[in-house]
């Protein structure tokens, strides 16, 4: 562990248990974006379903759903910056973020992103979460929900992969059939050309024979004419 870093989880060592002591401007902006989104999400829920959507939701992210709004904010943050931002969030924001993640899992929205954020948040803040009365029921509910959603996600990936393999096989079969058809067409074209050349050769041969016959007949006629004249 570097001298400028401190453990994020008590009793753990290594890169996974380290909070960065210095932050970049991008990470700070990511933290601000997440905290602002969580604040808007909280205000919208407190105001109820009849509340007017926040301008940031409608004009920037084009949604009136607070949960979708937070999801879109998280999606727009780069993966590396998102992880650093989650590590830097205080526990109150982590709890709010976990509530959002629970909503994403229940709605089956972006399971990969939700799972990654949840695992990181729990790992980094495990001691605080274990000692927090608010976090215990939340963690228990997501401990049941997360494996189910991950299994469904894996099944979907497996189904899509099988579909892609089937499409690949169909394309390869179609390509082979097309190649065979093109090869057959080339052979048939070559044969037609050969037959055309043979026909042309036969025509020239017959023409040559006719010309020879005509020349023989002309010479014979000329000989007879000369013979008659001499007599």
C-alpha atoms as a PDB file:
ATOM      1  CA  UNK A   1       0.000   0.000   0.000  1.00  0.00           C
ATOM      2  CA  UNK A   2       1.298   3.473  -0.883  1.00  0.00           C
ATOM      3  CA  UNK A   3       2.124   5.945   1.856  1.00  0.00           C
ATOM      4  CA  UNK A   4      -0.395   8.420   0.413  1.00  0.00           C
ATOM      5  CA  UNK A   5      -3.290   5.941   0.636  1.00  0.00           C
ATOM      6  CA  UNK A   6      -5.295   4.650   3.560  1.00  0.00           C
ATOM      7  CA  UNK A   7      -7.384   1.502   4.004  1.00  0.00           C
ATOM      8  CA  UNK A   8     -11.024   1.836   2.960  1.00  0.00           C
ATOM      9  CA  UNK A   9     -12.127  -1.311   4.771  1.00  0.00           C
ATOM     10  CA  UNK A  10     -10.800  -2.128   8.197  1.00  0.00           C
ATOM     11  CA  UNK A  11      -8.683  -5.263   8.275  1.00  0.00           C
ATOM     12  CA  UNK A  12      -8.210  -5.448   4.473  1.00  0.00           C
ATOM     13  CA  UNK A  13      -5.077  -4.890   2.458  1.00  0.00           C
ATOM     14  CA  UNK A  14      -4.464  -4.501  -1.241  1.00  0.00           C
ATOM     15  CA  UNK A  15      -5.731  -2.302  -4.033  1.00  0.00           C
ATOM     16  CA  UNK A  16      -9.407  -3.174  -3.418  1.00  0.00           C
ATOM     17  CA  UNK A  17      -9.235  -1.840   0.147  1.00  0.00           C
ATOM     18  CA  UNK A  18      -7.695   1.546  -0.631  1.00  0.00           C
ATOM     19  CA  UNK A  19      -9.290   4.966  -0.873  1.00  0.00           C
ATOM     20  CA  UNK A  20      -7.447   7.493  -3.063  1.00  0.00           C
ATOM     21  CA  UNK A  21      -6.051  10.380  -1.036  1.00  0.00           C
ATOM     22  CA  UNK A  22      -5.917  12.645  -4.092  1.00  0.00           C
ATOM     23  CA  UNK A  23      -8.692  13.194  -6.606  1.00  0.00           C
ATOM     24  CA  UNK A  24      -8.871  14.476 -10.152  1.00  0.00           C
ATOM     25  CA  UNK A  25     -11.220  17.163 -11.389  1.00  0.00           C
ATOM     26  CA  UNK A  26     -13.117  14.514 -13.354  1.00  0.00           C
ATOM     27  CA  UNK A  27     -13.666  12.459 -10.214  1.00  0.00           C
ATOM     28  CA  UNK A  28     -14.815  15.508  -8.259  1.00  0.00           C
ATOM     29  CA  UNK A  29     -17.281  16.366 -11.040  1.00  0.00           C
ATOM     30  CA  UNK A  30     -18.525  12.774 -10.993  1.00  0.00           C
ATOM     31  CA  UNK A  31     -19.060  12.961  -7.218  1.00  0.00           C
ATOM     32  CA  UNK A  32     -20.934  16.251  -7.597  1.00  0.00           C
ATOM     33  CA  UNK A  33     -23.100  14.803 -10.390  1.00  0.00           C
ATOM     34  CA  UNK A  34     -24.039  11.756  -8.307  1.00  0.00           C
ATOM     35  CA  UNK A  35     -24.812  13.788  -5.181  1.00  0.00           C
ATOM     36  CA  UNK A  36     -26.901  16.277  -7.184  1.00  0.00           C
ATOM     37  CA  UNK A  37     -28.825  13.416  -8.854  1.00  0.00           C
ATOM     38  CA  UNK A  38     -29.462  11.762  -5.488  1.00  0.00           C
ATOM     39  CA  UNK A  39     -30.687  15.042  -4.031  1.00  0.00           C
ATOM     40  CA  UNK A  40     -33.099  15.567  -6.935  1.00  0.00           C
ATOM     41  CA  UNK A  41     -34.235  11.950  -6.619  1.00  0.00           C
ATOM     42  CA  UNK A  42     -34.954  12.434  -2.910  1.00  0.00           C
ATOM     43  CA  UNK A  43     -36.847  15.700  -3.519  1.00  0.00           C
ATOM     44  CA  UNK A  44     -38.969  14.132  -6.246  1.00  0.00           C
ATOM     45  CA  UNK A  45     -39.918  11.186  -4.042  1.00  0.00           C
ATOM     46  CA  UNK A  46     -40.782  13.465  -1.122  1.00  0.00           C
ATOM     47  CA  UNK A  47     -42.948  15.653  -3.374  1.00  0.00           C
ATOM     48  CA  UNK A  48     -44.924  12.654  -4.589  1.00  0.00           C
ATOM     49  CA  UNK A  49     -46.111  11.528  -8.018  1.00  0.00           C
ATOM     50  CA  UNK A  50     -47.862  14.853  -8.693  1.00  0.00           C
ATOM     51  CA  UNK A  51     -44.606  16.794  -8.386  1.00  0.00           C
ATOM     52  CA  UNK A  52     -43.325  18.744 -11.363  1.00  0.00           C
ATOM     53  CA  UNK A  53     -40.214  17.013 -12.741  1.00  0.00           C
ATOM     54  CA  UNK A  54     -36.959  18.856 -12.175  1.00  0.00           C
ATOM     55  CA  UNK A  55     -35.716  20.830 -15.181  1.00  0.00           C
ATOM     56  CA  UNK A  56     -32.508  18.814 -15.260  1.00  0.00           C
ATOM     57  CA  UNK A  57     -34.580  15.652 -15.641  1.00  0.00           C
ATOM     58  CA  UNK A  58     -36.752  16.860 -18.492  1.00  0.00           C
ATOM     59  CA  UNK A  59     -34.470  19.186 -20.458  1.00  0.00           C
ATOM     60  CA  UNK A  60     -31.126  17.412 -20.111  1.00  0.00           C
ATOM     61  CA  UNK A  61     -31.971  13.735 -19.562  1.00  0.00           C
ATOM     62  CA  UNK A  62     -35.405  13.710 -21.219  1.00  0.00           C
ATOM     63  CA  UNK A  63     -37.217  11.751 -18.508  1.00  0.00           C
ATOM     64  CA  UNK A  64     -39.802  12.426 -15.819  1.00  0.00           C
ATOM     65  CA  UNK A  65     -38.890   9.296 -13.840  1.00  0.00           C
ATOM     66  CA  UNK A  66     -36.522  10.091 -10.930  1.00  0.00           C
ATOM     67  CA  UNK A  67     -35.084   6.567 -10.957  1.00  0.00           C
ATOM     68  CA  UNK A  68     -34.338   6.684 -14.682  1.00  0.00           C
ATOM     69  CA  UNK A  69     -32.821  10.105 -14.167  1.00  0.00           C
ATOM     70  CA  UNK A  70     -30.269   8.817 -11.651  1.00  0.00           C
ATOM     71  CA  UNK A  71     -29.552   5.841 -13.926  1.00  0.00           C
ATOM     72  CA  UNK A  72     -28.805   8.127 -16.877  1.00  0.00           C
ATOM     73  CA  UNK A  73     -26.514  10.254 -14.697  1.00  0.00           C
ATOM     74  CA  UNK A  74     -24.581   7.136 -13.661  1.00  0.00           C
ATOM     75  CA  UNK A  75     -24.391   5.929 -17.264  1.00  0.00           C
ATOM     76  CA  UNK A  76     -22.824   9.177 -18.465  1.00  0.00           C
ATOM     77  CA  UNK A  77     -19.907   8.898 -16.019  1.00  0.00           C
ATOM     78  CA  UNK A  78     -16.838   7.015 -17.241  1.00  0.00           C
ATOM     79  CA  UNK A  79     -16.326   3.636 -15.592  1.00  0.00           C
ATOM     80  CA  UNK A  80     -13.030   4.504 -13.888  1.00  0.00           C
ATOM     81  CA  UNK A  81     -14.338   7.861 -12.652  1.00  0.00           C
ATOM     82  CA  UNK A  82     -17.571   6.254 -11.438  1.00  0.00           C
ATOM     83  CA  UNK A  83     -15.678   3.760  -9.283  1.00  0.00           C
ATOM     84  CA  UNK A  84     -13.527   6.492  -7.748  1.00  0.00           C
ATOM     85  CA  UNK A  85     -16.598   8.654  -7.161  1.00  0.00           C
ATOM     86  CA  UNK A  86     -18.447   5.831  -5.376  1.00  0.00           C
ATOM     87  CA  UNK A  87     -15.392   5.278  -3.160  1.00  0.00           C
ATOM     88  CA  UNK A  88     -15.413   8.978  -2.198  1.00  0.00           C
ATOM     89  CA  UNK A  89     -19.131   9.237  -1.383  1.00  0.00           C
ATOM     90  CA  UNK A  90     -20.054   9.645   2.307  1.00  0.00           C
ATOM     91  CA  UNK A  91     -22.136   6.969   3.975  1.00  0.00           C
ATOM     92  CA  UNK A  92     -25.406   8.948   3.740  1.00  0.00           C
ATOM     93  CA  UNK A  93     -25.043   9.161  -0.037  1.00  0.00           C
ATOM     94  CA  UNK A  94     -24.026   5.512  -0.197  1.00  0.00           C
ATOM     95  CA  UNK A  95     -27.289   4.550   1.526  1.00  0.00           C
ATOM     96  CA  UNK A  96     -29.271   6.712  -0.909  1.00  0.00           C
ATOM     97  CA  UNK A  97     -27.366   5.207  -3.812  1.00  0.00           C
ATOM     98  CA  UNK A  98     -28.129   1.698  -2.540  1.00  0.00           C
ATOM     99  CA  UNK A  99     -31.831   2.570  -2.490  1.00  0.00           C
ATOM    100  CA  UNK A 100     -31.509   3.622  -6.130  1.00  0.00           C
ATOM    101  CA  UNK A 101     -29.627   0.405  -6.958  1.00  0.00           C
ATOM    102  CA  UNK A 102     -32.409  -1.605  -5.308  1.00  0.00           C
ATOM    103  CA  UNK A 103     -34.919   0.169  -7.557  1.00  0.00           C
ATOM    104  CA  UNK A 104     -32.819  -0.585 -10.617  1.00  0.00           C
ATOM    105  CA  UNK A 105     -32.630  -4.260  -9.692  1.00  0.00           C
ATOM    106  CA  UNK A 106     -36.387  -4.437  -9.066  1.00  0.00           C
ATOM    107  CA  UNK A 107     -37.083  -2.864 -12.466  1.00  0.00           C
ATOM    108  CA  UNK A 108     -34.401  -4.994 -14.132  1.00  0.00           C
ATOM    109  CA  UNK A 109     -32.626  -1.888 -15.504  1.00  0.00           C
ATOM    110  CA  UNK A 110     -28.931  -2.074 -16.420  1.00  0.00           C
ATOM    111  CA  UNK A 111     -28.147  -5.002 -14.137  1.00  0.00           C
ATOM    112  CA  UNK A 112     -24.445  -4.941 -14.994  1.00  0.00           C
ATOM    113  CA  UNK A 113     -23.974  -1.314 -13.929  1.00  0.00           C
ATOM    114  CA  UNK A 114     -26.159  -1.695 -10.829  1.00  0.00           C
ATOM    115  CA  UNK A 115     -24.303  -4.828  -9.709  1.00  0.00           C
ATOM    116  CA  UNK A 116     -20.888  -3.248 -10.180  1.00  0.00           C
ATOM    117  CA  UNK A 117     -21.795  -0.166  -8.152  1.00  0.00           C
ATOM    118  CA  UNK A 118     -23.470  -2.205  -5.414  1.00  0.00           C
ATOM    119  CA  UNK A 119     -20.567  -4.618  -4.960  1.00  0.00           C
ATOM    120  CA  UNK A 120     -18.069  -1.748  -4.802  1.00  0.00           C
ATOM    121  CA  UNK A 121     -20.181   0.314  -2.386  1.00  0.00           C
ATOM    122  CA  UNK A 122     -20.729  -2.624  -0.018  1.00  0.00           C
ATOM    123  CA  UNK A 123     -17.077  -3.699  -0.136  1.00  0.00           C
ATOM    124  CA  UNK A 124     -15.715  -0.234   0.584  1.00  0.00           C
ATOM    125  CA  UNK A 125     -18.262   0.640   3.288  1.00  0.00           C
ATOM    126  CA  UNK A 126     -18.826  -2.780   4.843  1.00  0.00           C
ATOM    127  CA  UNK A 127     -17.991  -1.883   8.498  1.00  0.00           C
ATOM    128  CA  UNK A 128     -20.226   1.208   8.432  1.00  0.00           C
ATOM    129  CA  UNK A 129     -23.055  -0.692   6.735  1.00  0.00           C
ATOM    130  CA  UNK A 130     -22.898  -3.504   9.273  1.00  0.00           C
ATOM    131  CA  UNK A 131     -23.188  -1.009  12.123  1.00  0.00           C
ATOM    132  CA  UNK A 132     -25.990   1.031  10.512  1.00  0.00           C
ATOM    133  CA  UNK A 133     -29.600   0.107  11.455  1.00  0.00           C
ATOM    134  CA  UNK A 134     -30.843   1.689   8.213  1.00  0.00           C
ATOM    135  CA  UNK A 135     -28.521  -0.354   6.011  1.00  0.00           C
ATOM    136  CA  UNK A 136     -29.192  -3.833   7.435  1.00  0.00           C
ATOM    137  CA  UNK A 137     -32.684  -4.427   5.931  1.00  0.00           C
ATOM    138  CA  UNK A 138     -31.567  -2.854   2.656  1.00  0.00           C
ATOM    139  CA  UNK A 139     -28.541  -5.121   2.390  1.00  0.00           C
ATOM    140  CA  UNK A 140     -30.622  -8.202   3.252  1.00  0.00           C
ATOM    141  CA  UNK A 141     -33.242  -7.444   0.596  1.00  0.00           C
ATOM    142  CA  UNK A 142     -30.639  -6.876  -2.098  1.00  0.00           C
ATOM    143  CA  UNK A 143     -28.730  -9.988  -1.022  1.00  0.00           C
ATOM    144  CA  UNK A 144     -31.816 -11.953  -2.098  1.00  0.00           C
ATOM    145  CA  UNK A 145     -32.568  -9.903  -5.209  1.00  0.00           C
ATOM    146  CA  UNK A 146     -29.087  -9.547  -6.698  1.00  0.00           C
ATOM    147  CA  UNK A 147     -28.340 -13.271  -7.326  1.00  0.00           C
ATOM    148  CA  UNK A 148     -31.727 -13.653  -9.028  1.00  0.00           C
ATOM    149  CA  UNK A 149     -31.109 -10.711 -11.361  1.00  0.00           C
ATOM    150  CA  UNK A 150     -27.553 -11.840 -12.112  1.00  0.00           C
ATOM    151  CA  UNK A 151     -28.828 -15.310 -13.051  1.00  0.00           C
ATOM    152  CA  UNK A 152     -31.451 -13.783 -15.350  1.00  0.00           C
ATOM    153  CA  UNK A 153     -28.765 -11.559 -16.869  1.00  0.00           C
ATOM    154  CA  UNK A 154     -26.490 -14.550 -17.488  1.00  0.00           C
ATOM    155  CA  UNK A 155     -29.375 -16.493 -19.032  1.00  0.00           C
ATOM    156  CA  UNK A 156     -30.099 -13.569 -21.347  1.00  0.00           C
ATOM    157  CA  UNK A 157     -26.432 -13.369 -22.368  1.00  0.00           C
ATOM    158  CA  UNK A 158     -26.382 -17.123 -22.999  1.00  0.00           C
ATOM    159  CA  UNK A 159     -29.558 -16.912 -25.104  1.00  0.00           C
ATOM    160  CA  UNK A 160     -28.185 -13.991 -27.116  1.00  0.00           C
ATOM    161  CA  UNK A 161     -24.861 -15.785 -27.603  1.00  0.00           C
ATOM    162  CA  UNK A 162     -26.686 -18.879 -28.876  1.00  0.00           C
ATOM    163  CA  UNK A 163     -28.673 -16.686 -31.256  1.00  0.00           C
ATOM    164  CA  UNK A 164     -25.501 -15.047 -32.554  1.00  0.00           C
ATOM    165  CA  UNK A 165     -23.881 -18.460 -33.100  1.00  0.00           C
ATOM    166  CA  UNK A 166     -26.966 -19.593 -35.022  1.00  0.00           C
ATOM    167  CA  UNK A 167     -26.844 -16.453 -37.177  1.00  0.00           C
ATOM    168  CA  UNK A 168     -23.130 -17.009 -37.773  1.00  0.00           C
ATOM    169  CA  UNK A 169     -23.781 -20.600 -38.906  1.00  0.00           C
ATOM    170  CA  UNK A 170     -26.593 -19.452 -41.207  1.00  0.00           C
ATOM    171  CA  UNK A 171     -24.403 -16.762 -42.730  1.00  0.00           C
ATOM    172  CA  UNK A 172     -21.581 -19.241 -43.269  1.00  0.00           C
ATOM    173  CA  UNK A 173     -23.971 -21.747 -44.874  1.00  0.00           C
ATOM    174  CA  UNK A 174     -25.391 -19.010 -47.081  1.00  0.00           C
ATOM    175  CA  UNK A 175     -21.890 -17.928 -48.034  1.00  0.00           C
ATOM    176  CA  UNK A 176     -20.927 -21.488 -48.940  1.00  0.00           C
ATOM    177  CA  UNK A 177     -24.110 -21.898 -51.013  1.00  0.00           C
ATOM    178  CA  UNK A 178     -23.473 -18.595 -52.735  1.00  0.00           C
ATOM    179  CA  UNK A 179     -19.864 -19.557 -53.448  1.00  0.00           C
ATOM    180  CA  UNK A 180     -21.028 -22.886 -54.927  1.00  0.00           C
ATOM    181  CA  UNK A 181     -23.636 -21.117 -57.074  1.00  0.00           C
ATOM    182  CA  UNK A 182     -21.049 -18.630 -58.320  1.00  0.00           C
ATOM    183  CA  UNK A 183     -18.595 -21.432 -59.096  1.00  0.00           C
ATOM    184  CA  UNK A 184     -21.297 -23.351 -60.993  1.00  0.00           C
ATOM    185  CA  UNK A 185     -22.233 -20.233 -62.926  1.00  0.00           C
ATOM    186  CA  UNK A 186     -18.582 -19.701 -63.858  1.00  0.00           C
ATOM    187  CA  UNK A 187     -18.307 -23.308 -65.091  1.00  0.00           C
ATOM    188  CA  UNK A 188     -21.486 -23.000 -67.131  1.00  0.00           C
ATOM    189  CA  UNK A 189     -20.292 -19.696 -68.603  1.00  0.00           C
ATOM    190  CA  UNK A 190     -16.968 -21.268 -69.569  1.00  0.00           C
ATOM    191  CA  UNK A 191     -18.755 -24.189 -71.236  1.00  0.00           C
ATOM    192  CA  UNK A 192     -21.016 -21.849 -73.186  1.00  0.00           C
ATOM    193  CA  UNK A 193     -17.968 -19.950 -74.407  1.00  0.00           C
ATOM    194  CA  UNK A 194     -16.263 -23.200 -75.448  1.00  0.00           C
ATOM    195  CA  UNK A 195     -19.374 -24.354 -77.331  1.00  0.00           C
ATOM    196  CA  UNK A 196     -19.585 -20.958 -79.034  1.00  0.00           C
ATOM    197  CA  UNK A 197     -15.950 -21.204 -80.125  1.00  0.00           C
ATOM    198  CA  UNK A 198     -16.479 -24.758 -81.411  1.00  0.00           C
ATOM    199  CA  UNK A 199     -19.544 -23.605 -83.336  1.00  0.00           C
ATOM    200  CA  UNK A 200     -17.619 -20.729 -84.857  1.00  0.00           C
ATOM    201  CA  UNK A 201     -14.782 -23.094 -85.866  1.00  0.00           C
ATOM    202  CA  UNK A 202     -17.224 -25.489 -87.524  1.00  0.00           C
ATOM    203  CA  UNK A 203     -18.809 -22.588 -89.389  1.00  0.00           C
ATOM    204  CA  UNK A 204     -15.455 -21.404 -90.672  1.00  0.00           C
ATOM    205  CA  UNK A 205     -14.538 -24.931 -91.715  1.00  0.00           C
ATOM    206  CA  UNK A 206     -17.783 -25.337 -93.666  1.00  0.00           C
ATOM    207  CA  UNK A 207     -17.311 -21.950 -95.287  1.00  0.00           C
ATOM    208  CA  UNK A 208     -13.796 -22.908 -96.295  1.00  0.00           C
ATOM    209  CA  UNK A 209     -15.064 -26.176 -97.827  1.00  0.00           C
ATOM    210  CA  UNK A 210     -17.751 -24.319 -99.745  1.00  0.00           C
ATOM    211  CA  UNK A 211     -15.215 -21.890-101.084  1.00  0.00           C
ATOM    212  CA  UNK A 212     -12.995 -24.767-102.141  1.00  0.00           C
ATOM    213  CA  UNK A 213     -15.880 -26.471-103.922  1.00  0.00           C
ATOM    214  CA  UNK A 214     -16.844 -23.237-105.600  1.00  0.00           C
ATOM    215  CA  UNK A 215     -13.262 -22.704-106.749  1.00  0.00           C
ATOM    216  CA  UNK A 216     -13.097 -26.276-108.153  1.00  0.00           C
ATOM    217  CA  UNK A 217     -16.335 -25.799-110.019  1.00  0.00           C
ATOM    218  CA  UNK A 218     -15.175 -22.460-111.405  1.00  0.00           C
ATOM    219  CA  UNK A 219     -11.935 -23.975-112.681  1.00  0.00           C
ATOM    220  CA  UNK A 220     -13.799 -26.870-114.308  1.00  0.00           C
ATOM    221  CA  UNK A 221     -16.228 -24.478-115.999  1.00  0.00           C
ATOM    222  CA  UNK A 222     -13.371 -22.345-117.268  1.00  0.00           C
ATOM    223  CA  UNK A 223     -11.604 -25.414-118.681  1.00  0.00           C
ATOM    224  CA  UNK A 224     -14.703 -26.511-120.561  1.00  0.00           C
ATOM    225  CA  UNK A 225     -15.235 -23.027-122.014  1.00  0.00           C
ATOM    226  CA  UNK A 226     -11.659 -22.902-123.280  1.00  0.00           C
ATOM    227  CA  UNK A 227     -12.049 -26.382-124.797  1.00  0.00           C
ATOM    228  CA  UNK A 228     -15.182 -25.350-126.702  1.00  0.00           C
ATOM    229  CA  UNK A 229     -13.461 -22.226-128.009  1.00  0.00           C
ATOM    230  CA  UNK A 230     -10.481 -24.207-129.293  1.00  0.00           C
ATOM    231  CA  UNK A 231     -12.708 -26.660-131.082  1.00  0.00           C
END
